[in-house]
Amino acid sequence: MTLPSLAIACLIVVTFSYAALCAASPFGNCRKCRGFGYQLKKDRRGRLRPGKTCRRCHGDRKRIRIGRHLFNVAARLHRDGTR
């Protein structure tokens, strides 16, 4: 197998793996709060305490994956175009 065909095969495998991940688990943890729903802060003694609610996920702890968002946009466009 030549190097370009091996690279293309690896790219196809990675793409299908990500598509399967988006189909099986469309939501991932929020990248800003790491799935806690709020920012952690330390008190004077150094213990971790919950801070403000995360502004990115609004405390929901989850975000929609990019691949799933693209699939939803394509499905919505197809559904609206065939009506």
Protein backbone atom coordinates (compact mmCIF):
# COMPACT_ATOMS: atom_id res chain seq x y z
CA MET A 1 0.00 0.00 0.00
CA THR A 2 1.42 3.38 -0.93
CA LEU A 3 1.67 6.23 1.52
CA PRO A 4 -1.14 8.39 0.04
CA SER A 5 -3.59 5.50 -0.07
CA LEU A 6 -2.69 4.58 3.52
CA ALA A 7 -3.32 8.19 4.61
CA ILE A 8 -6.67 8.23 2.82
CA ALA A 9 -7.66 4.93 4.42
CA CYS A 10 -6.76 6.25 7.89
CA LEU A 11 -8.74 9.44 7.22
CA ILE A 12 -11.79 7.43 6.18
CA VAL A 13 -11.55 5.27 9.32
CA VAL A 14 -11.29 8.35 11.56
CA THR A 15 -14.24 10.00 9.80
CA PHE A 16 -16.49 6.95 10.16
CA SER A 17 -15.42 6.54 13.79
CA TYR A 18 -16.38 10.15 14.57
CA ALA A 19 -19.69 9.71 12.73
CA ALA A 20 -20.43 6.62 14.83
CA LEU A 21 -19.53 8.55 18.00
CA CYS A 22 -21.87 11.40 17.02
CA ALA A 23 -24.67 8.92 16.33
CA ALA A 24 -24.18 7.01 19.59
CA SER A 25 -23.49 10.00 21.85
CA PRO A 26 -24.58 13.31 20.28
CA PHE A 27 -23.72 15.36 23.37
CA GLY A 28 -20.29 15.82 24.96
CA ASN A 29 -19.09 17.60 28.08
CA CYS A 30 -18.84 21.37 27.99
CA ARG A 31 -15.25 22.34 27.20
CA LYS A 32 -15.22 25.41 29.42
CA CYS A 33 -16.49 23.91 32.69
CA ARG A 34 -15.45 20.32 31.82
CA GLY A 35 -18.95 19.02 32.52
CA PHE A 36 -19.38 20.48 36.03
CA GLY A 37 -21.90 23.16 35.08
CA TYR A 38 -19.97 25.85 36.93
CA GLN A 39 -16.44 27.13 37.28
CA LEU A 40 -14.54 25.78 40.26
CA LYS A 41 -12.93 28.29 42.57
CA LYS A 42 -10.91 27.96 45.74
CA ASP A 43 -11.83 29.44 49.09
CA ARG A 44 -9.28 30.90 51.51
CA ARG A 45 -8.31 27.48 52.80
CA GLY A 46 -7.69 26.13 49.30
CA ARG A 47 -10.76 23.91 49.11
CA LEU A 48 -12.63 23.77 45.84
CA ARG A 49 -16.06 25.38 45.83
CA PRO A 50 -18.62 25.84 43.08
CA GLY A 51 -18.43 29.27 41.51
CA LYS A 52 -20.68 30.96 38.99
CA THR A 53 -22.81 29.00 36.56
CA CYS A 54 -21.00 28.36 33.30
CA ARG A 55 -21.88 30.96 30.67
CA ARG A 56 -21.25 28.66 27.73
CA CYS A 57 -23.55 25.77 28.70
CA HIS A 58 -25.75 27.71 31.19
CA GLY A 59 -25.27 24.96 33.77
CA ASP A 60 -26.56 22.19 31.46
CA ARG A 61 -23.11 20.51 31.53
CA LYS A 62 -23.44 19.24 27.96
CA ARG A 63 -22.85 20.61 24.47
CA ILE A 64 -23.82 19.25 21.10
CA ARG A 65 -20.94 17.80 19.10
CA ILE A 66 -19.89 19.58 15.90
CA GLY A 67 -20.60 16.53 13.73
CA ARG A 68 -24.08 16.14 15.19
CA HIS A 69 -24.77 19.84 14.67
CA LEU A 70 -23.76 19.54 11.00
CA PHE A 71 -25.98 16.47 10.62
CA ASN A 72 -28.93 18.32 12.18
CA VAL A 73 -28.40 21.29 9.84
CA ALA A 74 -28.24 19.01 6.79
CA ALA A 75 -31.34 17.08 7.88
CA ARG A 76 -33.26 20.30 8.51
CA LEU A 77 -32.21 21.68 5.12
CA HIS A 78 -33.30 18.49 3.36
CA ARG A 79 -36.59 18.35 5.26
CA ASP A 80 -37.40 22.00 4.46
CA GLY A 81 -36.37 21.56 0.82
CA THR A 82 -38.62 18.56 0.19
CA ARG A 83 -41.78 20.04 1.66
